[in-house]
Amino acid sequence: MKRQLNLREKIRTPRFWVLMLISVALGIALGSIPYFLSTPEPTLQDLPGK
């Protein structure tokens, strides 16, 4: 008796959120690594609204 999980039941499981958070964090980390490597660190003069 194998029951198909619908989306609402999947969202209630913590495993769904853990996998989603890991994938989002990996995407942000992989996307921001080249950005941080290519740009110099901002100094206080570069920050807006001082």
C-alpha atoms as a PDB file:
ATOM      1  CA  MET A   1       0.000   0.000   0.000  1.00  0.00           C
ATOM      2  CA  LYS A   2       2.131   2.828  -1.306  1.00  0.00           C
ATOM      3  CA  ARG A   3       0.512   6.222  -0.994  1.00  0.00           C
ATOM      4  CA  GLN A   4       1.637   9.157  -3.124  1.00  0.00           C
ATOM      5  CA  LEU A   5       2.679  12.184  -1.103  1.00  0.00           C
ATOM      6  CA  ASN A   6       1.133  15.401  -2.282  1.00  0.00           C
ATOM      7  CA  LEU A   7       2.990  18.701  -2.139  1.00  0.00           C
ATOM      8  CA  ARG A   8       1.297  19.843   1.054  1.00  0.00           C
ATOM      9  CA  GLU A   9       2.459  16.748   2.931  1.00  0.00           C
ATOM     10  CA  LYS A  10       5.977  17.104   1.541  1.00  0.00           C
ATOM     11  CA  ILE A  11       6.233  20.681   2.781  1.00  0.00           C
ATOM     12  CA  ARG A  12       5.310  19.538   6.298  1.00  0.00           C
ATOM     13  CA  THR A  13       8.283  17.183   6.506  1.00  0.00           C
ATOM     14  CA  PRO A  14      11.463  18.746   7.937  1.00  0.00           C
ATOM     15  CA  ARG A  15      13.579  16.828   5.441  1.00  0.00           C
ATOM     16  CA  PHE A  16      12.058  18.889   2.613  1.00  0.00           C
ATOM     17  CA  TRP A  17      13.101  22.135   4.303  1.00  0.00           C
ATOM     18  CA  VAL A  18      16.602  20.863   5.120  1.00  0.00           C
ATOM     19  CA  LEU A  19      17.209  19.883   1.503  1.00  0.00           C
ATOM     20  CA  MET A  20      15.784  23.182   0.273  1.00  0.00           C
ATOM     21  CA  LEU A  21      17.951  25.223   2.658  1.00  0.00           C
ATOM     22  CA  ILE A  22      21.069  23.274   1.671  1.00  0.00           C
ATOM     23  CA  SER A  23      20.410  23.765  -2.030  1.00  0.00           C
ATOM     24  CA  VAL A  24      19.706  27.473  -1.599  1.00  0.00           C
ATOM     25  CA  ALA A  25      22.833  27.949   0.523  1.00  0.00           C
ATOM     26  CA  LEU A  26      24.947  26.070  -2.015  1.00  0.00           C
ATOM     27  CA  GLY A  27      23.541  28.163  -4.850  1.00  0.00           C
ATOM     28  CA  ILE A  28      24.280  31.406  -3.030  1.00  0.00           C
ATOM     29  CA  ALA A  29      27.785  30.279  -2.063  1.00  0.00           C
ATOM     30  CA  LEU A  30      28.660  29.095  -5.566  1.00  0.00           C
ATOM     31  CA  GLY A  31      27.216  32.257  -7.101  1.00  0.00           C
ATOM     32  CA  SER A  32      28.984  34.640  -4.734  1.00  0.00           C
ATOM     33  CA  ILE A  33      32.466  33.090  -4.769  1.00  0.00           C
ATOM     34  CA  PRO A  34      33.429  34.515  -8.211  1.00  0.00           C
ATOM     35  CA  TYR A  35      31.860  37.854  -7.219  1.00  0.00           C
ATOM     36  CA  PHE A  36      33.981  38.089  -4.068  1.00  0.00           C
ATOM     37  CA  LEU A  37      37.122  36.976  -5.899  1.00  0.00           C
ATOM     38  CA  SER A  38      36.710  39.489  -8.728  1.00  0.00           C
ATOM     39  CA  THR A  39      35.873  42.543  -6.614  1.00  0.00           C
ATOM     40  CA  PRO A  40      38.170  44.095  -4.015  1.00  0.00           C
ATOM     41  CA  GLU A  41      36.878  44.382  -0.471  1.00  0.00           C
ATOM     42  CA  PRO A  42      34.800  47.544  -0.025  1.00  0.00           C
ATOM     43  CA  THR A  43      36.313  50.226   2.139  1.00  0.00           C
ATOM     44  CA  LEU A  44      34.377  52.732   4.213  1.00  0.00           C
ATOM     45  CA  GLN A  45      34.664  55.307   1.422  1.00  0.00           C
ATOM     46  CA  ASP A  46      32.999  52.933  -1.066  1.00  0.00           C
ATOM     47  CA  LEU A  47      29.920  52.383   1.102  1.00  0.00           C
ATOM     48  CA  PRO A  48      26.998  54.685   0.220  1.00  0.00           C
ATOM     49  CA  GLY A  49      25.354  57.044   2.676  1.00  0.00           C
ATOM     50  CA  LYS A  50      28.263  57.800   4.965  1.00  0.00           C
END
